[in-house]
Amino acid sequence: MIDLHSHTFFSDGALVPSEHVRRVEILGYEAIAITDHADSSNIHLLIPNLIKVARALNAVNTTQLIVGVELTHVPPALIAPLATQSRALGAQLIVVHGETPVEPVLPGTNRAALEADIDLLAHPGFITEEEAAIAARRGILLELSGRKGHSLTNGHVAKIAEKTGALLAINADAHGPGDFLTAEMAEKVGLGAGLSKERYLQVRRDMARLVGKLKAIA
């Protein structure tokens, strides 16, 4: 199991990173990304701090901690510069908080994110075919969410991804100990969105391939 989108108490989650990783380690996770919510106010604090934690935990844990960040409710014009800054600060994985139907995300966020240096567009809502084609061309993963509310458009995202060839990810968007997906529940999220079993397995492989490309924090 791999999850590329989760939050600790450094933003709006409940757990310190050590417990966060331990909770998924006992579920058999190979890797988990901590992607706390960020904008220009805290990005310079979050990433270096998480790098320090990852170095310590990855030396002793079986589950790899991936250093990530989720650019959240950032105005579209500021997404690309913040993504570049995140990469310069050492973020392995850059996520953007997409146009979920349950929050007032600015229109144009999906497009701006997909044109920036990011890896994953979280809960992209009613993403357009044109936007998904950009994701496909650039190898950016579109999220099927296990989180209440954000998951409302999973079926739409899966359908558009199938049509355009965009890559998918299945993530919990965990904020607390009860949010992490088991392998069985992750499969239900995928199949519930309309994926075939083979397509679901391909999603898992694509997520593992991305993790394999990330520079290790050691």
N, C-alpha and C. Protein backbone atom coordinates (compact mmCIF):
# COMPACT_ATOMS: atom_id res chain seq x y z
N MET A 1 0.83 -1.19 0.00
CA MET A 1 0.00 0.00 0.00
C MET A 1 0.87 1.26 0.00
N ILE A 2 0.40 2.24 -0.74
CA ILE A 2 1.05 3.54 -0.82
C ILE A 2 -0.05 4.59 -0.75
N ASP A 3 0.20 5.68 -0.04
CA ASP A 3 -0.73 6.80 -0.02
C ASP A 3 0.07 8.08 -0.22
N LEU A 4 -0.40 8.92 -1.13
CA LEU A 4 0.35 10.11 -1.52
C LEU A 4 -0.27 11.41 -1.02
N HIS A 5 -1.18 11.33 -0.06
CA HIS A 5 -1.89 12.54 0.38
C HIS A 5 -2.39 12.35 1.81
N SER A 6 -1.74 12.99 2.77
CA SER A 6 -2.19 12.89 4.16
C SER A 6 -1.68 14.09 4.94
N HIS A 7 -2.27 14.28 6.13
CA HIS A 7 -2.01 15.49 6.91
C HIS A 7 -1.75 15.17 8.37
N THR A 8 -0.82 15.90 8.96
CA THR A 8 -0.50 15.78 10.38
C THR A 8 -0.93 17.04 11.12
N PHE A 9 -0.54 17.12 12.39
CA PHE A 9 -0.94 18.30 13.16
C PHE A 9 -0.17 19.56 12.76
N PHE A 10 0.75 19.42 11.80
CA PHE A 10 1.42 20.61 11.27
C PHE A 10 0.48 21.44 10.38
N SER A 11 -0.67 20.86 9.99
CA SER A 11 -1.73 21.67 9.36
C SER A 11 -3.02 21.36 10.10
N ASP A 12 -3.92 20.59 9.49
CA ASP A 12 -5.21 20.33 10.14
C ASP A 12 -5.41 18.86 10.49
N GLY A 13 -4.33 18.11 10.58
CA GLY A 13 -4.42 16.72 10.99
C GLY A 13 -4.32 16.58 12.50
N ALA A 14 -4.38 15.33 12.97
CA ALA A 14 -4.44 15.08 14.42
C ALA A 14 -3.15 14.51 15.00
N LEU A 15 -2.30 13.90 14.17
CA LEU A 15 -1.18 13.13 14.69
C LEU A 15 0.17 13.79 14.43
N VAL A 16 1.14 13.51 15.29
CA VAL A 16 2.52 13.87 14.99
C VAL A 16 3.02 12.91 13.92
N PRO A 17 4.02 13.28 13.13
CA PRO A 17 4.48 12.40 12.04
C PRO A 17 4.87 10.99 12.49
N SER A 18 5.48 10.86 13.66
CA SER A 18 5.90 9.52 14.10
C SER A 18 4.72 8.58 14.28
N GLU A 19 3.65 9.05 14.91
CA GLU A 19 2.47 8.20 15.07
C GLU A 19 1.77 8.00 13.74
N HIS A 20 1.75 9.05 12.94
CA HIS A 20 1.14 8.99 11.61
C HIS A 20 1.73 7.82 10.81
N VAL A 21 3.06 7.76 10.78
CA VAL A 21 3.73 6.70 10.04
C VAL A 21 3.51 5.34 10.71
N ARG A 22 3.53 5.31 12.02
CA ARG A 22 3.33 4.04 12.73
C ARG A 22 1.95 3.46 12.46
N ARG A 23 0.95 4.32 12.36
CA ARG A 23 -0.42 3.85 12.10
C ARG A 23 -0.52 3.10 10.77
N VAL A 24 0.22 3.56 9.77
CA VAL A 24 0.15 2.87 8.47
C VAL A 24 1.18 1.76 8.36
N GLU A 25 2.22 1.84 9.16
CA GLU A 25 3.20 0.76 9.15
C GLU A 25 2.54 -0.56 9.55
N ILE A 26 1.65 -0.52 10.55
CA ILE A 26 0.99 -1.76 10.98
C ILE A 26 -0.06 -2.22 9.98
N LEU A 27 -0.42 -1.34 9.02
CA LEU A 27 -1.33 -1.73 7.94
C LEU A 27 -0.57 -2.27 6.73
N GLY A 28 0.76 -2.28 6.83
CA GLY A 28 1.56 -2.85 5.76
C GLY A 28 1.93 -1.88 4.65
N TYR A 29 1.90 -0.60 4.93
CA TYR A 29 2.22 0.39 3.90
C TYR A 29 3.71 0.36 3.55
N GLU A 30 3.98 0.50 2.26
CA GLU A 30 5.36 0.66 1.81
C GLU A 30 5.81 2.09 1.98
N ALA A 31 4.91 3.03 1.73
CA ALA A 31 5.26 4.45 1.79
C ALA A 31 4.02 5.29 2.02
N ILE A 32 4.23 6.42 2.67
CA ILE A 32 3.16 7.40 2.82
C ILE A 32 3.76 8.80 2.70
N ALA A 33 3.06 9.66 2.00
CA ALA A 33 3.48 11.05 1.88
C ALA A 33 2.72 11.89 2.90
N ILE A 34 3.42 12.71 3.63
CA ILE A 34 2.79 13.73 4.45
C ILE A 34 2.79 15.02 3.64
N THR A 35 1.59 15.51 3.39
CA THR A 35 1.41 16.65 2.48
C THR A 35 0.55 17.72 3.18
N ASP A 36 1.11 18.31 4.21
CA ASP A 36 0.32 19.27 4.96
C ASP A 36 -0.02 20.50 4.13
N HIS A 37 -1.15 21.10 4.47
CA HIS A 37 -1.66 22.27 3.74
C HIS A 37 -0.67 23.43 3.85
N ALA A 38 -0.45 24.10 2.72
CA ALA A 38 0.54 25.17 2.73
C ALA A 38 0.21 26.26 1.73
N ASP A 39 0.71 27.45 2.04
CA ASP A 39 0.77 28.56 1.10
C ASP A 39 2.07 29.31 1.42
N SER A 40 2.17 30.55 1.01
CA SER A 40 3.43 31.27 1.22
C SER A 40 3.71 31.57 2.69
N SER A 41 2.72 31.42 3.56
CA SER A 41 2.91 31.74 4.97
C SER A 41 3.69 30.69 5.74
N ASN A 42 3.64 29.43 5.28
CA ASN A 42 4.24 28.36 6.09
C ASN A 42 5.09 27.36 5.33
N ILE A 43 5.21 27.55 4.03
CA ILE A 43 5.90 26.55 3.22
C ILE A 43 7.37 26.40 3.62
N HIS A 44 7.97 27.50 4.03
CA HIS A 44 9.39 27.50 4.41
C HIS A 44 9.62 26.83 5.77
N LEU A 45 8.55 26.64 6.52
CA LEU A 45 8.64 25.94 7.80
C LEU A 45 8.32 24.46 7.66
N LEU A 46 7.29 24.16 6.89
CA LEU A 46 6.82 22.78 6.77
C LEU A 46 7.85 21.86 6.15
N ILE A 47 8.36 22.24 5.00
CA ILE A 47 9.20 21.30 4.24
C ILE A 47 10.52 20.98 4.94
N PRO A 48 11.31 21.98 5.36
CA PRO A 48 12.55 21.63 6.06
C PRO A 48 12.31 20.82 7.34
N ASN A 49 11.23 21.13 8.05
CA ASN A 49 10.92 20.39 9.27
C ASN A 49 10.61 18.93 8.96
N LEU A 50 9.83 18.69 7.91
CA LEU A 50 9.48 17.33 7.55
C LEU A 50 10.67 16.56 7.01
N ILE A 51 11.56 17.23 6.31
CA ILE A 51 12.79 16.58 5.85
C ILE A 51 13.57 16.02 7.04
N LYS A 52 13.67 16.83 8.10
CA LYS A 52 14.38 16.41 9.31
C LYS A 52 13.72 15.17 9.92
N VAL A 53 12.39 15.19 9.99
CA VAL A 53 11.66 14.05 10.55
C VAL A 53 11.84 12.82 9.68
N ALA A 54 11.75 13.00 8.35
CA ALA A 54 11.87 11.86 7.44
C ALA A 54 13.23 11.19 7.55
N ARG A 55 14.28 11.97 7.68
CA ARG A 55 15.60 11.39 7.81
C ARG A 55 15.69 10.49 9.03
N ALA A 56 15.10 10.92 10.13
CA ALA A 56 15.14 10.13 11.35
C ALA A 56 14.27 8.87 11.24
N LEU A 57 13.04 9.05 10.77
CA LEU A 57 12.12 7.91 10.73
C LEU A 57 12.50 6.88 9.67
N ASN A 58 12.94 7.35 8.50
CA ASN A 58 13.27 6.41 7.42
C ASN A 58 14.48 5.54 7.74
N ALA A 59 15.27 5.97 8.71
CA ALA A 59 16.43 5.18 9.11
C ALA A 59 16.04 3.97 9.96
N VAL A 60 14.84 4.00 10.53
CA VAL A 60 14.46 2.93 11.46
C VAL A 60 13.13 2.26 11.14
N ASN A 61 12.30 2.87 10.31
CA ASN A 61 10.97 2.32 10.00
C ASN A 61 10.97 1.54 8.70
N THR A 62 10.04 0.62 8.56
CA THR A 62 9.89 -0.09 7.29
C THR A 62 9.06 0.71 6.30
N THR A 63 8.19 1.58 6.77
CA THR A 63 7.38 2.43 5.89
C THR A 63 8.15 3.70 5.57
N GLN A 64 8.34 3.99 4.30
CA GLN A 64 9.06 5.19 3.88
C GLN A 64 8.16 6.41 4.02
N LEU A 65 8.68 7.45 4.67
CA LEU A 65 7.99 8.73 4.76
C LEU A 65 8.45 9.61 3.61
N ILE A 66 7.51 10.02 2.77
CA ILE A 66 7.79 10.90 1.64
C ILE A 66 7.48 12.33 2.04
N VAL A 67 8.40 13.22 1.78
CA VAL A 67 8.24 14.63 2.13
C VAL A 67 7.44 15.33 1.05
N GLY A 68 6.23 15.74 1.41
CA GLY A 68 5.37 16.39 0.45
C GLY A 68 4.77 17.67 0.99
N VAL A 69 3.94 18.28 0.17
CA VAL A 69 3.24 19.50 0.55
C VAL A 69 1.99 19.59 -0.31
N GLU A 70 0.91 20.12 0.25
CA GLU A 70 -0.30 20.36 -0.53
C GLU A 70 -0.57 21.86 -0.58
N LEU A 71 -0.36 22.45 -1.74
CA LEU A 71 -0.66 23.87 -1.93
C LEU A 71 -2.17 24.01 -1.95
N THR A 72 -2.71 24.77 -1.01
CA THR A 72 -4.13 24.74 -0.71
C THR A 72 -4.77 26.12 -0.80
N HIS A 73 -5.80 26.23 -1.64
CA HIS A 73 -6.53 27.49 -1.85
C HIS A 73 -5.58 28.63 -2.24
N VAL A 74 -4.52 28.26 -2.93
CA VAL A 74 -3.59 29.26 -3.45
C VAL A 74 -4.17 29.84 -4.74
N PRO A 75 -4.20 31.15 -4.92
CA PRO A 75 -4.69 31.73 -6.17
C PRO A 75 -3.95 31.12 -7.36
N PRO A 76 -4.66 30.84 -8.44
CA PRO A 76 -4.04 30.17 -9.58
C PRO A 76 -2.73 30.79 -10.06
N ALA A 77 -2.65 32.11 -10.07
CA ALA A 77 -1.44 32.76 -10.57
C ALA A 77 -0.22 32.51 -9.68
N LEU A 78 -0.45 32.10 -8.44
CA LEU A 78 0.64 31.89 -7.50
C LEU A 78 1.05 30.43 -7.36
N ILE A 79 0.32 29.53 -8.01
CA ILE A 79 0.60 28.10 -7.85
C ILE A 79 1.97 27.72 -8.42
N ALA A 80 2.26 28.12 -9.63
CA ALA A 80 3.55 27.74 -10.25
C ALA A 80 4.74 28.25 -9.45
N PRO A 81 4.77 29.54 -9.04
CA PRO A 81 5.90 29.99 -8.24
C PRO A 81 6.07 29.24 -6.92
N LEU A 82 4.95 28.93 -6.26
CA LEU A 82 5.04 28.20 -4.99
C LEU A 82 5.47 26.75 -5.20
N ALA A 83 5.05 26.17 -6.31
CA ALA A 83 5.51 24.81 -6.63
C ALA A 83 7.02 24.80 -6.85
N THR A 84 7.52 25.79 -7.56
CA THR A 84 8.96 25.89 -7.79
C THR A 84 9.71 26.08 -6.48
N GLN A 85 9.15 26.93 -5.62
CA GLN A 85 9.77 27.15 -4.31
C GLN A 85 9.75 25.88 -3.47
N SER A 86 8.66 25.14 -3.54
CA SER A 86 8.56 23.88 -2.78
C SER A 86 9.63 22.90 -3.21
N ARG A 87 9.84 22.80 -4.50
CA ARG A 87 10.85 21.89 -5.03
C ARG A 87 12.24 22.33 -4.56
N ALA A 88 12.49 23.64 -4.59
CA ALA A 88 13.78 24.16 -4.16
C ALA A 88 14.04 23.92 -2.68
N LEU A 89 12.98 23.90 -1.89
CA LEU A 89 13.11 23.64 -0.46
C LEU A 89 13.32 22.16 -0.15
N GLY A 90 13.11 21.31 -1.15
CA GLY A 90 13.37 19.89 -0.96
C GLY A 90 12.16 18.98 -0.95
N ALA A 91 10.99 19.50 -1.29
CA ALA A 91 9.80 18.64 -1.34
C ALA A 91 9.98 17.56 -2.41
N GLN A 92 9.74 16.33 -2.02
CA GLN A 92 9.79 15.23 -2.98
C GLN A 92 8.51 15.17 -3.81
N LEU A 93 7.39 15.49 -3.19
CA LEU A 93 6.09 15.33 -3.82
C LEU A 93 5.30 16.62 -3.64
N ILE A 94 4.80 17.17 -4.75
CA ILE A 94 4.02 18.40 -4.69
C ILE A 94 2.60 18.11 -5.13
N VAL A 95 1.67 18.39 -4.24
CA VAL A 95 0.25 18.19 -4.46
C VAL A 95 -0.43 19.55 -4.49
N VAL A 96 -1.43 19.69 -5.32
CA VAL A 96 -2.27 20.90 -5.29
C VAL A 96 -3.69 20.50 -4.95
N HIS A 97 -4.30 21.27 -4.09
CA HIS A 97 -5.68 21.10 -3.65
C HIS A 97 -6.61 21.51 -4.80
N GLY A 98 -7.16 20.51 -5.47
CA GLY A 98 -7.94 20.77 -6.67
C GLY A 98 -9.34 21.30 -6.39
N GLU A 99 -10.11 21.42 -7.47
CA GLU A 99 -11.42 22.08 -7.42
C GLU A 99 -12.53 21.15 -6.93
N THR A 100 -12.35 20.65 -5.72
CA THR A 100 -13.36 19.81 -5.09
C THR A 100 -14.71 20.51 -5.06
N PRO A 101 -15.80 19.78 -5.23
CA PRO A 101 -17.11 20.42 -5.23
C PRO A 101 -17.60 20.86 -3.86
N VAL A 102 -16.88 20.51 -2.79
CA VAL A 102 -17.36 20.82 -1.44
C VAL A 102 -16.60 21.97 -0.78
N GLU A 103 -15.74 22.64 -1.52
CA GLU A 103 -15.03 23.80 -0.99
C GLU A 103 -14.98 24.89 -2.06
N PRO A 104 -14.85 26.16 -1.64
CA PRO A 104 -14.85 27.27 -2.61
C PRO A 104 -13.48 27.51 -3.25
N VAL A 105 -12.96 26.48 -3.91
CA VAL A 105 -11.68 26.61 -4.59
C VAL A 105 -11.85 27.49 -5.82
N LEU A 106 -10.90 28.39 -6.02
CA LEU A 106 -11.00 29.32 -7.14
C LEU A 106 -11.03 28.59 -8.49
N PRO A 107 -11.95 28.94 -9.37
CA PRO A 107 -11.92 28.39 -10.74
C PRO A 107 -10.58 28.70 -11.39
N GLY A 108 -10.09 27.76 -12.16
CA GLY A 108 -8.78 27.92 -12.79
C GLY A 108 -7.67 27.26 -12.02
N THR A 109 -7.98 26.78 -10.79
CA THR A 109 -6.96 26.13 -9.97
C THR A 109 -6.45 24.85 -10.63
N ASN A 110 -7.37 24.02 -11.14
CA ASN A 110 -6.94 22.76 -11.78
C ASN A 110 -5.98 23.03 -12.93
N ARG A 111 -6.35 23.96 -13.79
CA ARG A 111 -5.54 24.24 -14.98
C ARG A 111 -4.17 24.78 -14.57
N ALA A 112 -4.14 25.74 -13.65
CA ALA A 112 -2.87 26.31 -13.22
C ALA A 112 -1.98 25.26 -12.58
N ALA A 113 -2.57 24.38 -11.80
CA ALA A 113 -1.80 23.33 -11.15
C ALA A 113 -1.18 22.38 -12.17
N LEU A 114 -1.97 21.99 -13.16
CA LEU A 114 -1.50 21.03 -14.15
C LEU A 114 -0.44 21.61 -15.08
N GLU A 115 -0.34 22.93 -15.12
CA GLU A 115 0.70 23.58 -15.92
C GLU A 115 1.94 23.89 -15.10
N ALA A 116 1.90 23.59 -13.79
CA ALA A 116 3.02 23.85 -12.90
C ALA A 116 3.82 22.57 -12.65
N ASP A 117 4.89 22.70 -11.88
CA ASP A 117 5.75 21.56 -11.57
C ASP A 117 5.19 20.82 -10.37
N ILE A 118 4.15 20.00 -10.61
CA ILE A 118 3.53 19.25 -9.53
C ILE A 118 3.47 17.77 -9.91
N ASP A 119 3.11 16.95 -8.92
CA ASP A 119 3.04 15.50 -9.13
C ASP A 119 1.63 14.95 -9.06
N LEU A 120 0.75 15.61 -8.29
CA LEU A 120 -0.58 15.07 -8.02
C LEU A 120 -1.58 16.21 -7.87
N LEU A 121 -2.71 16.08 -8.56
CA LEU A 121 -3.82 17.01 -8.38
C LEU A 121 -4.85 16.32 -7.53
N ALA A 122 -5.02 16.80 -6.29
CA ALA A 122 -5.93 16.17 -5.35
C ALA A 122 -7.38 16.53 -5.67
N HIS A 123 -8.27 15.57 -5.42
CA HIS A 123 -9.72 15.75 -5.57
C HIS A 123 -10.07 16.86 -6.59
N PRO A 124 -9.86 16.60 -7.89
CA PRO A 124 -10.01 17.64 -8.91
C PRO A 124 -11.44 17.95 -9.31
N GLY A 125 -12.42 17.39 -8.61
CA GLY A 125 -13.82 17.75 -8.86
C GLY A 125 -14.25 17.42 -10.27
N PHE A 126 -14.97 18.37 -10.88
CA PHE A 126 -15.47 18.17 -12.24
C PHE A 126 -14.42 18.61 -13.26
N ILE A 127 -13.28 17.96 -13.19
CA ILE A 127 -12.18 18.27 -14.10
C ILE A 127 -12.64 18.08 -15.54
N THR A 128 -12.17 18.95 -16.42
CA THR A 128 -12.57 18.87 -17.82
C THR A 128 -11.68 17.89 -18.58
N GLU A 129 -12.16 17.48 -19.72
CA GLU A 129 -11.38 16.58 -20.57
C GLU A 129 -10.09 17.26 -21.02
N GLU A 130 -10.17 18.54 -21.32
CA GLU A 130 -8.97 19.28 -21.73
C GLU A 130 -7.93 19.31 -20.61
N GLU A 131 -8.38 19.54 -19.38
CA GLU A 131 -7.46 19.56 -18.25
C GLU A 131 -6.86 18.18 -18.01
N ALA A 132 -7.68 17.15 -18.09
CA ALA A 132 -7.17 15.79 -17.89
C ALA A 132 -6.16 15.41 -18.96
N ALA A 133 -6.34 15.93 -20.17
CA ALA A 133 -5.38 15.66 -21.24
C ALA A 133 -4.02 16.27 -20.91
N ILE A 134 -4.02 17.43 -20.25
CA ILE A 134 -2.75 18.03 -19.81
C ILE A 134 -2.10 17.13 -18.78
N ALA A 135 -2.89 16.63 -17.84
CA ALA A 135 -2.35 15.72 -16.83
C ALA A 135 -1.74 14.49 -17.49
N ALA A 136 -2.44 13.94 -18.47
CA ALA A 136 -1.94 12.76 -19.17
C ALA A 136 -0.62 13.05 -19.87
N ARG A 137 -0.55 14.18 -20.51
CA ARG A 137 0.66 14.55 -21.25
C ARG A 137 1.85 14.78 -20.33
N ARG A 138 1.58 15.29 -19.14
CA ARG A 138 2.66 15.66 -18.22
C ARG A 138 2.92 14.60 -17.15
N GLY A 139 2.14 13.53 -17.14
CA GLY A 139 2.35 12.47 -16.17
C GLY A 139 1.94 12.83 -14.75
N ILE A 140 1.01 13.75 -14.62
CA ILE A 140 0.51 14.16 -13.30
C ILE A 140 -0.67 13.28 -12.92
N LEU A 141 -0.63 12.75 -11.71
CA LEU A 141 -1.69 11.85 -11.26
C LEU A 141 -2.92 12.64 -10.80
N LEU A 142 -4.09 12.14 -11.15
CA LEU A 142 -5.36 12.69 -10.69
C LEU A 142 -5.89 11.80 -9.57
N GLU A 143 -6.41 12.41 -8.54
CA GLU A 143 -6.78 11.65 -7.35
C GLU A 143 -8.23 11.17 -7.33
N LEU A 144 -8.39 9.92 -6.95
CA LEU A 144 -9.66 9.39 -6.48
C LEU A 144 -9.57 9.40 -4.96
N SER A 145 -10.46 10.11 -4.32
CA SER A 145 -10.33 10.37 -2.89
C SER A 145 -11.17 9.44 -2.04
N GLY A 146 -10.58 9.02 -0.94
CA GLY A 146 -11.32 8.24 0.04
C GLY A 146 -11.99 9.10 1.08
N ARG A 147 -11.88 10.42 0.95
CA ARG A 147 -12.41 11.34 1.96
C ARG A 147 -13.84 11.77 1.63
N LYS A 148 -14.66 11.80 2.67
CA LYS A 148 -16.05 12.23 2.53
C LYS A 148 -16.12 13.59 1.87
N GLY A 149 -17.05 13.77 0.96
CA GLY A 149 -17.21 15.04 0.26
C GLY A 149 -16.36 15.08 -0.99
N HIS A 150 -15.05 15.02 -0.81
CA HIS A 150 -14.15 15.04 -1.97
C HIS A 150 -14.42 13.86 -2.90
N SER A 151 -14.91 12.77 -2.34
CA SER A 151 -15.12 11.54 -3.12
C SER A 151 -16.36 11.61 -4.02
N LEU A 152 -17.16 12.66 -3.89
CA LEU A 152 -18.41 12.75 -4.67
C LEU A 152 -18.17 12.69 -6.17
N THR A 153 -17.04 13.19 -6.63
CA THR A 153 -16.77 13.24 -8.07
C THR A 153 -15.78 12.18 -8.52
N ASN A 154 -15.52 11.17 -7.68
CA ASN A 154 -14.58 10.11 -8.09
C ASN A 154 -14.97 9.45 -9.40
N GLY A 155 -16.26 9.18 -9.57
CA GLY A 155 -16.71 8.52 -10.80
C GLY A 155 -16.43 9.37 -12.02
N HIS A 156 -16.67 10.68 -11.90
CA HIS A 156 -16.38 11.59 -13.02
C HIS A 156 -14.89 11.60 -13.33
N VAL A 157 -14.06 11.71 -12.29
CA VAL A 157 -12.61 11.75 -12.50
C VAL A 157 -12.13 10.48 -13.17
N ALA A 158 -12.61 9.34 -12.70
CA ALA A 158 -12.21 8.06 -13.29
C ALA A 158 -12.61 7.97 -14.76
N LYS A 159 -13.80 8.42 -15.06
CA LYS A 159 -14.30 8.37 -16.45
C LYS A 159 -13.47 9.25 -17.37
N ILE A 160 -13.18 10.47 -16.92
CA ILE A 160 -12.38 11.40 -17.73
C ILE A 160 -10.95 10.90 -17.89
N ALA A 161 -10.40 10.31 -16.82
CA ALA A 161 -9.05 9.77 -16.90
C ALA A 161 -8.98 8.62 -17.90
N GLU A 162 -10.00 7.78 -17.88
CA GLU A 162 -10.04 6.66 -18.82
C GLU A 162 -10.09 7.16 -20.26
N LYS A 163 -10.82 8.22 -20.49
CA LYS A 163 -10.98 8.76 -21.83
C LYS A 163 -9.71 9.43 -22.34
N THR A 164 -8.95 10.06 -21.44
CA THR A 164 -7.78 10.84 -21.85
C THR A 164 -6.46 10.13 -21.63
N GLY A 165 -6.48 9.03 -20.88
CA GLY A 165 -5.23 8.33 -20.57
C GLY A 165 -4.49 8.91 -19.40
N ALA A 166 -5.15 9.76 -18.61
CA ALA A 166 -4.51 10.33 -17.43
C ALA A 166 -4.27 9.27 -16.37
N LEU A 167 -3.19 9.42 -15.64
CA LEU A 167 -2.86 8.51 -14.55
C LEU A 167 -3.70 8.86 -13.33
N LEU A 168 -3.96 7.86 -12.50
CA LEU A 168 -4.78 8.05 -11.30
C LEU A 168 -4.00 7.64 -10.05
N ALA A 169 -4.46 8.17 -8.92
CA ALA A 169 -3.99 7.74 -7.61
C ALA A 169 -5.20 7.59 -6.70
N ILE A 170 -5.12 6.67 -5.76
CA ILE A 170 -6.17 6.51 -4.75
C ILE A 170 -5.55 6.84 -3.40
N ASN A 171 -6.06 7.88 -2.76
CA ASN A 171 -5.51 8.35 -1.50
C ASN A 171 -6.61 8.55 -0.47
N ALA A 172 -6.21 8.46 0.80
CA ALA A 172 -7.17 8.64 1.89
C ALA A 172 -7.42 10.10 2.22
N ASP A 173 -6.42 10.97 1.95
CA ASP A 173 -6.49 12.35 2.43
C ASP A 173 -6.71 12.30 3.95
N ALA A 174 -5.94 11.45 4.61
CA ALA A 174 -6.13 11.19 6.03
C ALA A 174 -5.78 12.41 6.87
N HIS A 175 -6.64 12.69 7.85
CA HIS A 175 -6.40 13.75 8.82
C HIS A 175 -6.33 13.21 10.25
N GLY A 176 -6.71 11.97 10.43
CA GLY A 176 -6.71 11.38 11.76
C GLY A 176 -6.58 9.88 11.69
N PRO A 177 -6.46 9.22 12.85
CA PRO A 177 -6.18 7.78 12.88
C PRO A 177 -7.26 6.90 12.27
N GLY A 178 -8.47 7.39 12.17
CA GLY A 178 -9.53 6.57 11.58
C GLY A 178 -9.66 6.73 10.08
N ASP A 179 -8.81 7.54 9.47
CA ASP A 179 -8.95 7.87 8.06
C ASP A 179 -8.14 7.00 7.11
N PHE A 180 -7.12 6.35 7.60
CA PHE A 180 -6.22 5.60 6.72
C PHE A 180 -6.95 4.45 6.04
N LEU A 181 -6.63 4.24 4.78
CA LEU A 181 -7.27 3.19 4.01
C LEU A 181 -6.54 1.86 4.20
N THR A 182 -7.30 0.82 4.45
CA THR A 182 -6.75 -0.53 4.34
C THR A 182 -6.68 -0.88 2.85
N ALA A 183 -5.99 -1.96 2.53
CA ALA A 183 -5.92 -2.39 1.14
C ALA A 183 -7.31 -2.69 0.60
N GLU A 184 -8.15 -3.30 1.43
CA GLU A 184 -9.50 -3.64 1.00
C GLU A 184 -10.34 -2.39 0.72
N MET A 185 -10.22 -1.39 1.58
CA MET A 185 -11.00 -0.18 1.39
C MET A 185 -10.49 0.63 0.19
N ALA A 186 -9.19 0.65 -0.02
CA ALA A 186 -8.65 1.34 -1.19
C ALA A 186 -9.19 0.73 -2.48
N GLU A 187 -9.29 -0.60 -2.50
CA GLU A 187 -9.85 -1.27 -3.67
C GLU A 187 -11.32 -0.89 -3.86
N LYS A 188 -12.06 -0.78 -2.77
CA LYS A 188 -13.46 -0.39 -2.86
C LYS A 188 -13.60 1.03 -3.41
N VAL A 189 -12.71 1.93 -3.02
CA VAL A 189 -12.74 3.29 -3.56
C VAL A 189 -12.55 3.25 -5.07
N GLY A 190 -11.58 2.46 -5.52
CA GLY A 190 -11.32 2.37 -6.95
C GLY A 190 -12.45 1.72 -7.73
N LEU A 191 -12.90 0.57 -7.27
CA LEU A 191 -13.98 -0.12 -7.97
C LEU A 191 -15.29 0.66 -7.88
N GLY A 192 -15.49 1.35 -6.76
CA GLY A 192 -16.69 2.16 -6.60
C GLY A 192 -16.73 3.35 -7.54
N ALA A 193 -15.54 3.79 -7.96
CA ALA A 193 -15.46 4.88 -8.93
C ALA A 193 -15.66 4.40 -10.36
N GLY A 194 -15.77 3.09 -10.52
CA GLY A 194 -16.01 2.53 -11.85
C GLY A 194 -14.81 1.88 -12.50
N LEU A 195 -13.70 1.77 -11.77
CA LEU A 195 -12.52 1.12 -12.33
C LEU A 195 -12.74 -0.39 -12.41
N SER A 196 -12.17 -1.00 -13.43
CA SER A 196 -12.12 -2.45 -13.47
C SER A 196 -11.04 -2.91 -12.50
N LYS A 197 -11.03 -4.19 -12.17
CA LYS A 197 -10.00 -4.71 -11.26
C LYS A 197 -8.62 -4.51 -11.86
N GLU A 198 -8.47 -4.74 -13.15
CA GLU A 198 -7.16 -4.56 -13.78
C GLU A 198 -6.74 -3.09 -13.77
N ARG A 199 -7.70 -2.20 -14.03
CA ARG A 199 -7.38 -0.77 -13.99
C ARG A 199 -7.00 -0.34 -12.58
N TYR A 200 -7.67 -0.88 -11.59
CA TYR A 200 -7.31 -0.58 -10.20
C TYR A 200 -5.88 -1.02 -9.92
N LEU A 201 -5.53 -2.22 -10.35
CA LEU A 201 -4.17 -2.71 -10.12
C LEU A 201 -3.14 -1.85 -10.85
N GLN A 202 -3.51 -1.34 -12.01
CA GLN A 202 -2.62 -0.44 -12.74
C GLN A 202 -2.41 0.86 -11.97
N VAL A 203 -3.45 1.35 -11.33
CA VAL A 203 -3.33 2.56 -10.49
C VAL A 203 -2.31 2.32 -9.39
N ARG A 204 -2.38 1.15 -8.75
CA ARG A 204 -1.42 0.85 -7.69
C ARG A 204 0.00 0.81 -8.26
N ARG A 205 0.15 0.25 -9.44
CA ARG A 205 1.49 0.19 -10.05
C ARG A 205 1.99 1.58 -10.41
N ASP A 206 1.11 2.43 -10.91
CA ASP A 206 1.51 3.79 -11.27
C ASP A 206 1.94 4.58 -10.04
N MET A 207 1.24 4.38 -8.93
CA MET A 207 1.62 5.05 -7.69
C MET A 207 2.99 4.56 -7.21
N ALA A 208 3.21 3.26 -7.30
CA ALA A 208 4.50 2.70 -6.90
C ALA A 208 5.62 3.20 -7.80
N ARG A 209 5.32 3.35 -9.08
CA ARG A 209 6.33 3.85 -10.01
C ARG A 209 6.73 5.28 -9.67
N LEU A 210 5.75 6.09 -9.30
CA LEU A 210 6.07 7.47 -8.92
C LEU A 210 6.94 7.49 -7.68
N VAL A 211 6.59 6.69 -6.69
CA VAL A 211 7.40 6.63 -5.47
C VAL A 211 8.83 6.20 -5.79
N GLY A 212 8.96 5.27 -6.71
CA GLY A 212 10.28 4.81 -7.10
C GLY A 212 11.13 5.89 -7.74
N LYS A 213 10.50 6.88 -8.34
CA LYS A 213 11.22 7.96 -9.01
C LYS A 213 11.65 9.06 -8.04
N LEU A 214 11.02 9.10 -6.89
CA LEU A 214 11.30 10.18 -5.94
C LEU A 214 12.68 10.01 -5.32
N LYS A 215 13.35 11.11 -5.18
CA LYS A 215 14.67 11.08 -4.55
C LYS A 215 14.52 10.76 -3.07
N ALA A 216 15.24 9.77 -2.60
CA ALA A 216 15.13 9.34 -1.22
C ALA A 216 15.67 10.40 -0.27
N ILE A 217 14.99 10.58 0.85
CA ILE A 217 15.48 11.44 1.93
C ILE A 217 16.25 10.54 2.87
N ALA A 218 17.54 10.76 2.95
CA ALA A 218 18.39 9.90 3.80
C ALA A 218 19.34 10.74 4.62
